[in-house]
């Protein structure tokens, strides 16, 4: 059964997708977004090439011109869709779902995902089985092979990126791209910034060697490789290393400005992780359980029963109020689809 969401649709390929199903969604995308020129790309899933071709076949038979970026990340496709000549974009991807899944993400012409109202209009059009006539003039298909290069240049030229400082530090970075769409662009970007890059699972063939969801249990190979090669940046962000002891930088630290005294201070700090409760905020009004603060591999978080929520931005455990903690828990509940307890 296809799963619809604000970013498009996804499902198990062998059960949920066919050229006919793809055609229905493409027709409604053309109708609701007035598509005449579309840019497309895909992630590394092995089903992606077939579904990309089905998308191209549907677009072109209705007279839409298509530029095909082939293997590309979703952010790259969003950047390409912003270009003036495009009326919208499509990414063939199922994000962090297992390899048997795939899907379509629909982009409006400014490169953002469709709004909830736009999604509703598209899905209503699909359900109504709206149709359009085949075009007398078939749309043209062009290969767009500079998307990664353009995206990298955009990053390097961004004002917030201190390229010279990054280059001078000669960071050693491990990348595990799970053989997906980031297999090419991530190493290229980091090498452009003067980093020494160690790659695992970066051949882009879509043969997922692990579950793509970036949870700690799925990232053991990356964790081991970071330790093995003494990398300065890994799955939990920048850190310092001394005598086989690792300490993550705190949110107020800038890796480019860390001096010896600060490094010694970080290394000397006791590690409080896992189940250790660092602070108790009080009871959640609907969950009727205490909200507590903890420090984990991904940084500080709050916990209420079985619900964990990471702190945001500049939030710290010390500065967090009960109201802040409740909002973090409620936002997390909504995101993972948990139903609120009835009073």
C-alpha atoms as a PDB file:
ATOM      1  CA  UNK A   1       0.000   0.000   0.000  1.00  0.00           C
ATOM      2  CA  UNK A   2       1.405   3.382  -1.032  1.00  0.00           C
ATOM      3  CA  UNK A   3       2.180   5.770   1.831  1.00  0.00           C
ATOM      4  CA  UNK A   4       1.391   9.423   1.096  1.00  0.00           C
ATOM      5  CA  UNK A   5       3.017  12.261   2.983  1.00  0.00           C
ATOM      6  CA  UNK A   6       3.874  15.941   2.704  1.00  0.00           C
ATOM      7  CA  UNK A   7       6.975  15.112   0.661  1.00  0.00           C
ATOM      8  CA  UNK A   8       5.289  12.718  -1.780  1.00  0.00           C
ATOM      9  CA  UNK A   9       4.723   8.995  -1.721  1.00  0.00           C
ATOM     10  CA  UNK A  10       6.629   5.799  -1.036  1.00  0.00           C
ATOM     11  CA  UNK A  11       5.997   2.088  -0.996  1.00  0.00           C
ATOM     12  CA  UNK A  12       7.436  -1.370  -1.604  1.00  0.00           C
ATOM     13  CA  UNK A  13       8.405  -1.438  -5.254  1.00  0.00           C
ATOM     14  CA  UNK A  14       7.236  -4.939  -6.176  1.00  0.00           C
ATOM     15  CA  UNK A  15       3.853  -4.439  -4.495  1.00  0.00           C
ATOM     16  CA  UNK A  16       3.030  -0.776  -4.991  1.00  0.00           C
ATOM     17  CA  UNK A  17       4.633   0.572  -8.171  1.00  0.00           C
ATOM     18  CA  UNK A  18       4.005   0.079 -11.867  1.00  0.00           C
ATOM     19  CA  UNK A  19       4.160   2.313 -14.968  1.00  0.00           C
ATOM     20  CA  UNK A  20       0.398   2.821 -14.668  1.00  0.00           C
ATOM     21  CA  UNK A  21       0.580   3.944 -11.028  1.00  0.00           C
ATOM     22  CA  UNK A  22       3.472   6.301 -11.807  1.00  0.00           C
ATOM     23  CA  UNK A  23       1.532   7.725 -14.768  1.00  0.00           C
ATOM     24  CA  UNK A  24      -1.460   8.647 -12.588  1.00  0.00           C
ATOM     25  CA  UNK A  25       0.725  10.660 -10.201  1.00  0.00           C
ATOM     26  CA  UNK A  26       2.694  12.304 -13.021  1.00  0.00           C
ATOM     27  CA  UNK A  27      -0.552  13.394 -14.733  1.00  0.00           C
ATOM     28  CA  UNK A  28      -1.778  15.006 -11.518  1.00  0.00           C
ATOM     29  CA  UNK A  29       1.609  16.666 -10.898  1.00  0.00           C
ATOM     30  CA  UNK A  30       1.495  18.167 -14.401  1.00  0.00           C
ATOM     31  CA  UNK A  31      -2.089  19.382 -13.894  1.00  0.00           C
ATOM     32  CA  UNK A  32      -1.703  20.831 -10.392  1.00  0.00           C
ATOM     33  CA  UNK A  33       1.737  22.435 -10.917  1.00  0.00           C
ATOM     34  CA  UNK A  34       1.392  23.379 -14.602  1.00  0.00           C
ATOM     35  CA  UNK A  35       4.543  21.459 -15.515  1.00  0.00           C
ATOM     36  CA  UNK A  36       6.100  22.066 -18.926  1.00  0.00           C
ATOM     37  CA  UNK A  37       9.784  21.581 -18.072  1.00  0.00           C
ATOM     38  CA  UNK A  38      10.844  19.243 -15.244  1.00  0.00           C
ATOM     39  CA  UNK A  39      14.170  18.176 -13.718  1.00  0.00           C
ATOM     40  CA  UNK A  40      14.489  14.717 -12.159  1.00  0.00           C
ATOM     41  CA  UNK A  41      17.024  12.683 -10.199  1.00  0.00           C
ATOM     42  CA  UNK A  42      17.176   9.509  -8.160  1.00  0.00           C
ATOM     43  CA  UNK A  43      18.892   7.953  -5.182  1.00  0.00           C
ATOM     44  CA  UNK A  44      21.025   4.822  -5.454  1.00  0.00           C
ATOM     45  CA  UNK A  45      18.300   2.189  -5.037  1.00  0.00           C
ATOM     46  CA  UNK A  46      18.498  -0.509  -7.671  1.00  0.00           C
ATOM     47  CA  UNK A  47      14.836   0.058  -8.569  1.00  0.00           C
ATOM     48  CA  UNK A  48      15.545   3.722  -9.246  1.00  0.00           C
ATOM     49  CA  UNK A  49      16.574   3.356 -12.885  1.00  0.00           C
ATOM     50  CA  UNK A  50      13.339   1.610 -13.852  1.00  0.00           C
ATOM     51  CA  UNK A  51      11.144   4.064 -11.972  1.00  0.00           C
ATOM     52  CA  UNK A  52      13.102   7.006 -13.430  1.00  0.00           C
ATOM     53  CA  UNK A  53      12.359   5.691 -16.904  1.00  0.00           C
ATOM     54  CA  UNK A  54       8.659   5.322 -16.089  1.00  0.00           C
ATOM     55  CA  UNK A  55       8.640   8.936 -14.862  1.00  0.00           C
ATOM     56  CA  UNK A  56      10.410  10.129 -18.018  1.00  0.00           C
ATOM     57  CA  UNK A  57       8.049   8.165 -20.268  1.00  0.00           C
ATOM     58  CA  UNK A  58       5.000   9.699 -18.595  1.00  0.00           C
ATOM     59  CA  UNK A  59       6.330  13.253 -18.599  1.00  0.00           C
ATOM     60  CA  UNK A  60       7.464  13.216 -22.226  1.00  0.00           C
ATOM     61  CA  UNK A  61       4.304  11.656 -23.658  1.00  0.00           C
ATOM     62  CA  UNK A  62       2.386  14.637 -22.275  1.00  0.00           C
ATOM     63  CA  UNK A  63       4.829  17.038 -23.914  1.00  0.00           C
ATOM     64  CA  UNK A  64       6.970  17.868 -20.863  1.00  0.00           C
ATOM     65  CA  UNK A  65      10.681  18.430 -21.456  1.00  0.00           C
ATOM     66  CA  UNK A  66      12.870  16.544 -18.963  1.00  0.00           C
ATOM     67  CA  UNK A  67      16.407  17.164 -17.721  1.00  0.00           C
ATOM     68  CA  UNK A  68      17.721  14.013 -16.032  1.00  0.00           C
ATOM     69  CA  UNK A  69      20.376  14.432 -13.322  1.00  0.00           C
ATOM     70  CA  UNK A  70      20.389  10.649 -12.730  1.00  0.00           C
ATOM     71  CA  UNK A  71      22.111   9.838  -9.379  1.00  0.00           C
ATOM     72  CA  UNK A  72      21.659  12.899  -7.131  1.00  0.00           C
ATOM     73  CA  UNK A  73      20.827  13.731  -3.531  1.00  0.00           C
ATOM     74  CA  UNK A  74      17.521  15.371  -2.632  1.00  0.00           C
ATOM     75  CA  UNK A  75      19.218  18.686  -1.629  1.00  0.00           C
ATOM     76  CA  UNK A  76      21.012  18.723  -4.992  1.00  0.00           C
ATOM     77  CA  UNK A  77      17.712  18.223  -6.779  1.00  0.00           C
ATOM     78  CA  UNK A  78      16.116  21.011  -4.753  1.00  0.00           C
ATOM     79  CA  UNK A  79      18.919  23.356  -5.796  1.00  0.00           C
ATOM     80  CA  UNK A  80      18.545  22.402  -9.465  1.00  0.00           C
ATOM     81  CA  UNK A  81      14.760  22.855  -9.374  1.00  0.00           C
ATOM     82  CA  UNK A  82      15.235  26.480  -8.304  1.00  0.00           C
ATOM     83  CA  UNK A  83      16.559  27.276 -11.761  1.00  0.00           C
ATOM     84  CA  UNK A  84      14.320  29.599 -13.751  1.00  0.00           C
ATOM     85  CA  UNK A  85      13.660  27.195 -16.623  1.00  0.00           C
ATOM     86  CA  UNK A  86      11.979  24.526 -14.466  1.00  0.00           C
ATOM     87  CA  UNK A  87       8.352  24.400 -13.385  1.00  0.00           C
ATOM     88  CA  UNK A  88       9.068  21.659 -10.848  1.00  0.00           C
ATOM     89  CA  UNK A  89      11.207  18.664  -9.983  1.00  0.00           C
ATOM     90  CA  UNK A  90      10.867  15.005  -9.015  1.00  0.00           C
ATOM     91  CA  UNK A  91      13.238  12.942  -6.877  1.00  0.00           C
ATOM     92  CA  UNK A  92      12.928   9.155  -7.065  1.00  0.00           C
ATOM     93  CA  UNK A  93      13.822   8.171  -3.499  1.00  0.00           C
ATOM     94  CA  UNK A  94      12.494   6.554  -0.341  1.00  0.00           C
ATOM     95  CA  UNK A  95      14.911   8.415   1.957  1.00  0.00           C
ATOM     96  CA  UNK A  96      15.968   6.216   4.915  1.00  0.00           C
ATOM     97  CA  UNK A  97      13.561   3.360   4.217  1.00  0.00           C
ATOM     98  CA  UNK A  98      15.000  -0.122   3.439  1.00  0.00           C
ATOM     99  CA  UNK A  99      16.115  -0.975  -0.096  1.00  0.00           C
ATOM    100  CA  UNK A 100      12.873  -2.699  -1.119  1.00  0.00           C
ATOM    101  CA  UNK A 101      11.132   0.691  -0.881  1.00  0.00           C
ATOM    102  CA  UNK A 102      11.140   3.575  -3.337  1.00  0.00           C
ATOM    103  CA  UNK A 103       9.055   6.654  -3.890  1.00  0.00           C
ATOM    104  CA  UNK A 104       8.541  10.051  -5.499  1.00  0.00           C
ATOM    105  CA  UNK A 105       9.231  13.428  -3.888  1.00  0.00           C
ATOM    106  CA  UNK A 106       7.554  16.304  -5.722  1.00  0.00           C
ATOM    107  CA  UNK A 107       9.214  19.733  -5.781  1.00  0.00           C
ATOM    108  CA  UNK A 108       7.629  23.035  -6.707  1.00  0.00           C
ATOM    109  CA  UNK A 109       9.511  25.516  -8.842  1.00  0.00           C
ATOM    110  CA  UNK A 110      11.261  27.237  -5.915  1.00  0.00           C
ATOM    111  CA  UNK A 111      12.897  23.912  -4.967  1.00  0.00           C
ATOM    112  CA  UNK A 112      10.793  23.282  -1.866  1.00  0.00           C
ATOM    113  CA  UNK A 113       8.453  20.360  -1.275  1.00  0.00           C
ATOM    114  CA  UNK A 114       4.797  20.855  -2.083  1.00  0.00           C
ATOM    115  CA  UNK A 115       2.810  22.541   0.681  1.00  0.00           C
ATOM    116  CA  UNK A 116       0.135  20.498   2.508  1.00  0.00           C
ATOM    117  CA  UNK A 117      -2.565  22.153   0.382  1.00  0.00           C
ATOM    118  CA  UNK A 118      -0.645  21.420  -2.809  1.00  0.00           C
ATOM    119  CA  UNK A 119      -0.190  17.793  -1.741  1.00  0.00           C
ATOM    120  CA  UNK A 120      -3.903  17.493  -1.037  1.00  0.00           C
ATOM    121  CA  UNK A 121      -4.693  18.925  -4.471  1.00  0.00           C
ATOM    122  CA  UNK A 122      -2.320  16.466  -6.141  1.00  0.00           C
ATOM    123  CA  UNK A 123      -3.652  13.438  -4.242  1.00  0.00           C
ATOM    124  CA  UNK A 124      -7.271  14.506  -4.857  1.00  0.00           C
ATOM    125  CA  UNK A 125      -6.505  14.743  -8.565  1.00  0.00           C
ATOM    126  CA  UNK A 126      -5.031  11.223  -8.469  1.00  0.00           C
ATOM    127  CA  UNK A 127      -8.065   9.853  -6.622  1.00  0.00           C
ATOM    128  CA  UNK A 128     -10.396  11.585  -9.096  1.00  0.00           C
ATOM    129  CA  UNK A 129      -8.471   9.920 -11.922  1.00  0.00           C
ATOM    130  CA  UNK A 130      -7.976  13.214 -13.727  1.00  0.00           C
ATOM    131  CA  UNK A 131      -6.556  12.792 -17.214  1.00  0.00           C
ATOM    132  CA  UNK A 132      -4.838  14.784 -19.928  1.00  0.00           C
ATOM    133  CA  UNK A 133      -4.427  13.942 -23.586  1.00  0.00           C
ATOM    134  CA  UNK A 134      -1.157  12.705 -24.998  1.00  0.00           C
ATOM    135  CA  UNK A 135       0.775  15.535 -26.608  1.00  0.00           C
ATOM    136  CA  UNK A 136       1.202  15.696 -30.369  1.00  0.00           C
ATOM    137  CA  UNK A 137       4.798  16.743 -29.699  1.00  0.00           C
ATOM    138  CA  UNK A 138       6.805  14.420 -27.449  1.00  0.00           C
ATOM    139  CA  UNK A 139       8.853  16.141 -24.754  1.00  0.00           C
ATOM    140  CA  UNK A 140      12.622  16.210 -25.091  1.00  0.00           C
ATOM    141  CA  UNK A 141      14.965  14.389 -22.685  1.00  0.00           C
ATOM    142  CA  UNK A 142      18.380  15.862 -21.841  1.00  0.00           C
ATOM    143  CA  UNK A 143      21.134  14.506 -19.604  1.00  0.00           C
ATOM    144  CA  UNK A 144      22.124  16.979 -16.885  1.00  0.00           C
ATOM    145  CA  UNK A 145      25.539  15.869 -15.678  1.00  0.00           C
ATOM    146  CA  UNK A 146      26.815  18.958 -13.848  1.00  0.00           C
ATOM    147  CA  UNK A 147      24.393  18.997 -10.897  1.00  0.00           C
ATOM    148  CA  UNK A 148      26.933  17.763  -8.326  1.00  0.00           C
ATOM    149  CA  UNK A 149      29.565  20.227  -9.492  1.00  0.00           C
ATOM    150  CA  UNK A 150      27.110  23.119  -9.317  1.00  0.00           C
ATOM    151  CA  UNK A 151      25.990  22.125  -5.826  1.00  0.00           C
ATOM    152  CA  UNK A 152      29.581  21.839  -4.573  1.00  0.00           C
ATOM    153  CA  UNK A 153      30.458  25.274  -5.986  1.00  0.00           C
ATOM    154  CA  UNK A 154      27.380  26.735  -4.311  1.00  0.00           C
ATOM    155  CA  UNK A 155      28.537  25.349  -0.950  1.00  0.00           C
ATOM    156  CA  UNK A 156      32.137  26.500  -1.383  1.00  0.00           C
ATOM    157  CA  UNK A 157      30.997  30.027  -2.268  1.00  0.00           C
ATOM    158  CA  UNK A 158      28.566  30.334   0.634  1.00  0.00           C
ATOM    159  CA  UNK A 159      29.492  33.137   3.036  1.00  0.00           C
ATOM    160  CA  UNK A 160      29.099  30.874   6.076  1.00  0.00           C
ATOM    161  CA  UNK A 161      31.729  28.402   4.796  1.00  0.00           C
ATOM    162  CA  UNK A 162      35.274  29.333   5.849  1.00  0.00           C
ATOM    163  CA  UNK A 163      37.007  27.366   3.106  1.00  0.00           C
ATOM    164  CA  UNK A 164      40.520  28.626   3.875  1.00  0.00           C
ATOM    165  CA  UNK A 165      40.255  27.729   7.566  1.00  0.00           C
ATOM    166  CA  UNK A 166      38.874  24.283   6.775  1.00  0.00           C
ATOM    167  CA  UNK A 167      41.618  23.658   4.203  1.00  0.00           C
ATOM    168  CA  UNK A 168      44.338  24.675   6.647  1.00  0.00           C
ATOM    169  CA  UNK A 169      43.171  22.133   9.246  1.00  0.00           C
ATOM    170  CA  UNK A 170      43.481  19.131   6.898  1.00  0.00           C
ATOM    171  CA  UNK A 171      40.645  17.235   8.552  1.00  0.00           C
ATOM    172  CA  UNK A 172      40.448  13.481   8.212  1.00  0.00           C
ATOM    173  CA  UNK A 173      36.832  12.479   7.529  1.00  0.00           C
ATOM    174  CA  UNK A 174      35.160   9.088   7.152  1.00  0.00           C
ATOM    175  CA  UNK A 175      32.114   8.846   4.865  1.00  0.00           C
ATOM    176  CA  UNK A 176      29.636   5.978   4.842  1.00  0.00           C
ATOM    177  CA  UNK A 177      27.183   6.802   2.036  1.00  0.00           C
ATOM    178  CA  UNK A 178      25.504   3.354   2.194  1.00  0.00           C
ATOM    179  CA  UNK A 179      26.179   3.180  -1.593  1.00  0.00           C
ATOM    180  CA  UNK A 180      23.497   5.809  -2.104  1.00  0.00           C
ATOM    181  CA  UNK A 181      23.179   9.166  -3.839  1.00  0.00           C
ATOM    182  CA  UNK A 182      25.822  10.827  -1.665  1.00  0.00           C
ATOM    183  CA  UNK A 183      28.537   8.405  -2.808  1.00  0.00           C
ATOM    184  CA  UNK A 184      30.042  10.868  -5.295  1.00  0.00           C
ATOM    185  CA  UNK A 185      29.142  14.352  -4.126  1.00  0.00           C
ATOM    186  CA  UNK A 186      30.198  14.005  -0.469  1.00  0.00           C
ATOM    187  CA  UNK A 187      33.772  12.858  -1.179  1.00  0.00           C
ATOM    188  CA  UNK A 188      34.098  15.499  -3.913  1.00  0.00           C
ATOM    189  CA  UNK A 189      32.938  18.272  -1.596  1.00  0.00           C
ATOM    190  CA  UNK A 190      35.242  17.289   1.263  1.00  0.00           C
ATOM    191  CA  UNK A 191      38.258  16.862  -1.012  1.00  0.00           C
ATOM    192  CA  UNK A 192      37.537  20.357  -2.378  1.00  0.00           C
ATOM    193  CA  UNK A 193      37.846  21.569   1.213  1.00  0.00           C
ATOM    194  CA  UNK A 194      41.264  19.955   1.645  1.00  0.00           C
ATOM    195  CA  UNK A 195      40.056  17.030   3.747  1.00  0.00           C
ATOM    196  CA  UNK A 196      41.591  13.585   3.729  1.00  0.00           C
ATOM    197  CA  UNK A 197      38.632  11.362   2.901  1.00  0.00           C
ATOM    198  CA  UNK A 198      38.236   7.699   3.827  1.00  0.00           C
ATOM    199  CA  UNK A 199      35.265   6.095   2.071  1.00  0.00           C
ATOM    200  CA  UNK A 200      33.218   3.045   2.967  1.00  0.00           C
ATOM    201  CA  UNK A 201      30.096   2.012   1.045  1.00  0.00           C
ATOM    202  CA  UNK A 202      30.525   4.773  -1.541  1.00  0.00           C
ATOM    203  CA  UNK A 203      30.178   3.059  -4.936  1.00  0.00           C
ATOM    204  CA  UNK A 204      26.675   4.411  -5.608  1.00  0.00           C
ATOM    205  CA  UNK A 205      25.264   1.127  -6.898  1.00  0.00           C
ATOM    206  CA  UNK A 206      22.333   1.127  -4.456  1.00  0.00           C
ATOM    207  CA  UNK A 207      23.421  -2.094  -2.780  1.00  0.00           C
ATOM    208  CA  UNK A 208      22.634  -1.026   0.773  1.00  0.00           C
ATOM    209  CA  UNK A 209      25.049  -2.762   3.115  1.00  0.00           C
ATOM    210  CA  UNK A 210      23.016  -1.709   6.144  1.00  0.00           C
ATOM    211  CA  UNK A 211      19.665  -0.123   6.965  1.00  0.00           C
ATOM    212  CA  UNK A 212      19.963   3.486   5.712  1.00  0.00           C
ATOM    213  CA  UNK A 213      18.380   5.025   8.837  1.00  0.00           C
ATOM    214  CA  UNK A 214      21.350   6.712  10.602  1.00  0.00           C
ATOM    215  CA  UNK A 215      20.852   5.183  14.030  1.00  0.00           C
ATOM    216  CA  UNK A 216      23.782   4.207  16.210  1.00  0.00           C
ATOM    217  CA  UNK A 217      23.005   0.498  15.783  1.00  0.00           C
ATOM    218  CA  UNK A 218      23.286   0.885  11.997  1.00  0.00           C
ATOM    219  CA  UNK A 219      26.556   2.808  12.031  1.00  0.00           C
ATOM    220  CA  UNK A 220      28.972   0.374  13.644  1.00  0.00           C
ATOM    221  CA  UNK A 221      31.189   0.089  10.547  1.00  0.00           C
ATOM    222  CA  UNK A 222      31.496   3.865  10.423  1.00  0.00           C
ATOM    223  CA  UNK A 223      32.194   4.095  14.138  1.00  0.00           C
ATOM    224  CA  UNK A 224      34.901   1.443  13.921  1.00  0.00           C
ATOM    225  CA  UNK A 225      36.517   3.069  10.882  1.00  0.00           C
ATOM    226  CA  UNK A 226      36.612   6.488  12.580  1.00  0.00           C
ATOM    227  CA  UNK A 227      38.450   4.939  15.523  1.00  0.00           C
ATOM    228  CA  UNK A 228      40.707   2.841  13.298  1.00  0.00           C
ATOM    229  CA  UNK A 229      41.975   5.767  11.202  1.00  0.00           C
ATOM    230  CA  UNK A 230      41.852   8.426  13.945  1.00  0.00           C
ATOM    231  CA  UNK A 231      39.461  10.638  12.013  1.00  0.00           C
ATOM    232  CA  UNK A 232      38.601  14.093  13.336  1.00  0.00           C
ATOM    233  CA  UNK A 233      34.995  14.062  12.122  1.00  0.00           C
ATOM    234  CA  UNK A 234      32.634  11.111  12.220  1.00  0.00           C
ATOM    235  CA  UNK A 235      28.992  10.278  12.658  1.00  0.00           C
ATOM    236  CA  UNK A 236      28.551  12.411  15.787  1.00  0.00           C
ATOM    237  CA  UNK A 237      30.266  15.524  14.436  1.00  0.00           C
ATOM    238  CA  UNK A 238      33.683  17.015  15.364  1.00  0.00           C
ATOM    239  CA  UNK A 239      35.586  15.759  18.394  1.00  0.00           C
ATOM    240  CA  UNK A 240      39.036  15.670  19.938  1.00  0.00           C
ATOM    241  CA  UNK A 241      41.186  12.600  20.553  1.00  0.00           C
ATOM    242  CA  UNK A 242      43.891  12.026  23.171  1.00  0.00           C
ATOM    243  CA  UNK A 243      45.378   8.707  24.200  1.00  0.00           C
ATOM    244  CA  UNK A 244      42.432   6.786  22.633  1.00  0.00           C
ATOM    245  CA  UNK A 245      39.958   8.946  24.550  1.00  0.00           C
ATOM    246  CA  UNK A 246      37.301  10.719  22.474  1.00  0.00           C
ATOM    247  CA  UNK A 247      35.302  13.769  23.510  1.00  0.00           C
ATOM    248  CA  UNK A 248      32.702  15.486  21.330  1.00  0.00           C
ATOM    249  CA  UNK A 249      32.872  19.248  21.056  1.00  0.00           C
ATOM    250  CA  UNK A 250      30.085  21.147  22.757  1.00  0.00           C
ATOM    251  CA  UNK A 251      27.641  23.389  20.887  1.00  0.00           C
ATOM    252  CA  UNK A 252      29.488  26.560  21.912  1.00  0.00           C
ATOM    253  CA  UNK A 253      32.828  25.227  20.596  1.00  0.00           C
ATOM    254  CA  UNK A 254      34.163  26.095  17.147  1.00  0.00           C
ATOM    255  CA  UNK A 255      36.440  23.347  15.859  1.00  0.00           C
ATOM    256  CA  UNK A 256      38.568  25.936  14.057  1.00  0.00           C
ATOM    257  CA  UNK A 257      39.255  27.884  17.260  1.00  0.00           C
ATOM    258  CA  UNK A 258      39.901  25.124  19.840  1.00  0.00           C
ATOM    259  CA  UNK A 259      43.112  25.766  21.772  1.00  0.00           C
ATOM    260  CA  UNK A 260      45.103  23.424  24.014  1.00  0.00           C
ATOM    261  CA  UNK A 261      43.579  24.624  27.303  1.00  0.00           C
ATOM    262  CA  UNK A 262      40.046  24.024  26.018  1.00  0.00           C
ATOM    263  CA  UNK A 263      40.992  20.609  24.625  1.00  0.00           C
ATOM    264  CA  UNK A 264      42.426  19.585  28.032  1.00  0.00           C
ATOM    265  CA  UNK A 265      39.248  20.824  29.736  1.00  0.00           C
ATOM    266  CA  UNK A 266      37.038  18.729  27.426  1.00  0.00           C
ATOM    267  CA  UNK A 267      39.150  15.587  27.826  1.00  0.00           C
ATOM    268  CA  UNK A 268      39.075  15.975  31.633  1.00  0.00           C
ATOM    269  CA  UNK A 269      35.293  16.249  31.819  1.00  0.00           C
ATOM    270  CA  UNK A 270      33.604  13.122  33.198  1.00  0.00           C
ATOM    271  CA  UNK A 271      31.433  11.260  30.743  1.00  0.00           C
ATOM    272  CA  UNK A 272      27.802  11.023  31.765  1.00  0.00           C
ATOM    273  CA  UNK A 273      25.894   9.117  29.143  1.00  0.00           C
ATOM    274  CA  UNK A 274      23.271   6.525  28.691  1.00  0.00           C
ATOM    275  CA  UNK A 275      20.748   6.189  31.521  1.00  0.00           C
ATOM    276  CA  UNK A 276      22.272   8.745  33.879  1.00  0.00           C
ATOM    277  CA  UNK A 277      19.658  11.411  34.731  1.00  0.00           C
ATOM    278  CA  UNK A 278      21.240  14.855  34.610  1.00  0.00           C
ATOM    279  CA  UNK A 279      18.117  16.850  35.463  1.00  0.00           C
ATOM    280  CA  UNK A 280      14.430  16.281  36.277  1.00  0.00           C
ATOM    281  CA  UNK A 281      12.073  18.955  34.928  1.00  0.00           C
ATOM    282  CA  UNK A 282       8.764  17.752  36.307  1.00  0.00           C
ATOM    283  CA  UNK A 283       5.691  15.874  35.148  1.00  0.00           C
ATOM    284  CA  UNK A 284       4.339  15.990  31.583  1.00  0.00           C
ATOM    285  CA  UNK A 285       0.694  17.125  31.869  1.00  0.00           C
ATOM    286  CA  UNK A 286      -0.791  14.463  29.576  1.00  0.00           C
ATOM    287  CA  UNK A 287       1.783  11.668  29.831  1.00  0.00           C
ATOM    288  CA  UNK A 288       1.707  11.854  33.645  1.00  0.00           C
ATOM    289  CA  UNK A 289       5.407  10.939  33.743  1.00  0.00           C
ATOM    290  CA  UNK A 290       8.481  12.934  34.675  1.00  0.00           C
ATOM    291  CA  UNK A 291      10.574  14.496  31.927  1.00  0.00           C
ATOM    292  CA  UNK A 292      14.286  13.970  32.507  1.00  0.00           C
ATOM    293  CA  UNK A 293      17.477  15.127  30.791  1.00  0.00           C
ATOM    294  CA  UNK A 294      20.280  12.855  29.611  1.00  0.00           C
ATOM    295  CA  UNK A 295      23.406  12.953  27.458  1.00  0.00           C
ATOM    296  CA  UNK A 296      23.776  10.433  24.648  1.00  0.00           C
ATOM    297  CA  UNK A 297      25.933   9.723  21.638  1.00  0.00           C
ATOM    298  CA  UNK A 298      23.981  12.274  19.609  1.00  0.00           C
ATOM    299  CA  UNK A 299      24.167  14.914  22.335  1.00  0.00           C
ATOM    300  CA  UNK A 300      21.790  16.020  25.101  1.00  0.00           C
ATOM    301  CA  UNK A 301      18.149  14.945  25.008  1.00  0.00           C
ATOM    302  CA  UNK A 302      15.011  14.824  27.111  1.00  0.00           C
ATOM    303  CA  UNK A 303      13.078  11.675  27.923  1.00  0.00           C
ATOM    304  CA  UNK A 304       9.471  11.007  28.936  1.00  0.00           C
ATOM    305  CA  UNK A 305       8.603   7.338  29.190  1.00  0.00           C
ATOM    306  CA  UNK A 306       9.623   5.795  25.874  1.00  0.00           C
ATOM    307  CA  UNK A 307       9.839   9.129  24.037  1.00  0.00           C
ATOM    308  CA  UNK A 308      13.257  10.733  23.498  1.00  0.00           C
ATOM    309  CA  UNK A 309      13.731  14.176  21.941  1.00  0.00           C
ATOM    310  CA  UNK A 310      17.029  15.885  21.107  1.00  0.00           C
ATOM    311  CA  UNK A 311      17.677  19.461  22.177  1.00  0.00           C
ATOM    312  CA  UNK A 312      17.535  22.066  19.421  1.00  0.00           C
ATOM    313  CA  UNK A 313      19.933  24.797  18.304  1.00  0.00           C
ATOM    314  CA  UNK A 314      21.405  26.687  21.238  1.00  0.00           C
ATOM    315  CA  UNK A 315      19.354  24.855  23.863  1.00  0.00           C
ATOM    316  CA  UNK A 316      21.275  23.416  26.806  1.00  0.00           C
ATOM    317  CA  UNK A 317      20.150  21.185  29.649  1.00  0.00           C
ATOM    318  CA  UNK A 318      20.848  23.972  32.163  1.00  0.00           C
ATOM    319  CA  UNK A 319      18.799  26.577  30.293  1.00  0.00           C
ATOM    320  CA  UNK A 320      15.871  24.311  29.404  1.00  0.00           C
ATOM    321  CA  UNK A 321      12.587  24.930  31.252  1.00  0.00           C
ATOM    322  CA  UNK A 322       9.746  22.493  31.894  1.00  0.00           C
ATOM    323  CA  UNK A 323       7.708  24.227  29.181  1.00  0.00           C
ATOM    324  CA  UNK A 324      10.597  23.830  26.710  1.00  0.00           C
ATOM    325  CA  UNK A 325      10.939  20.154  27.596  1.00  0.00           C
ATOM    326  CA  UNK A 326       7.183  19.536  27.180  1.00  0.00           C
ATOM    327  CA  UNK A 327       7.259  21.130  23.735  1.00  0.00           C
ATOM    328  CA  UNK A 328      10.223  18.981  22.672  1.00  0.00           C
ATOM    329  CA  UNK A 329       8.405  15.822  23.786  1.00  0.00           C
ATOM    330  CA  UNK A 330       5.108  16.849  22.126  1.00  0.00           C
ATOM    331  CA  UNK A 331       6.856  17.745  18.851  1.00  0.00           C
ATOM    332  CA  UNK A 332       8.652  14.401  18.883  1.00  0.00           C
ATOM    333  CA  UNK A 333       5.389  12.533  19.569  1.00  0.00           C
ATOM    334  CA  UNK A 334       3.772  14.212  16.591  1.00  0.00           C
ATOM    335  CA  UNK A 335       6.724  13.459  14.346  1.00  0.00           C
ATOM    336  CA  UNK A 336       6.812   9.741  15.100  1.00  0.00           C
ATOM    337  CA  UNK A 337       3.052   9.454  15.033  1.00  0.00           C
ATOM    338  CA  UNK A 338       2.413   8.467  18.616  1.00  0.00           C
ATOM    339  CA  UNK A 339      -1.108   9.085  19.831  1.00  0.00           C
ATOM    340  CA  UNK A 340      -1.493  11.284  22.872  1.00  0.00           C
ATOM    341  CA  UNK A 341      -2.864   9.561  25.926  1.00  0.00           C
ATOM    342  CA  UNK A 342      -6.509  10.165  26.637  1.00  0.00           C
ATOM    343  CA  UNK A 343      -7.152  12.024  29.859  1.00  0.00           C
END
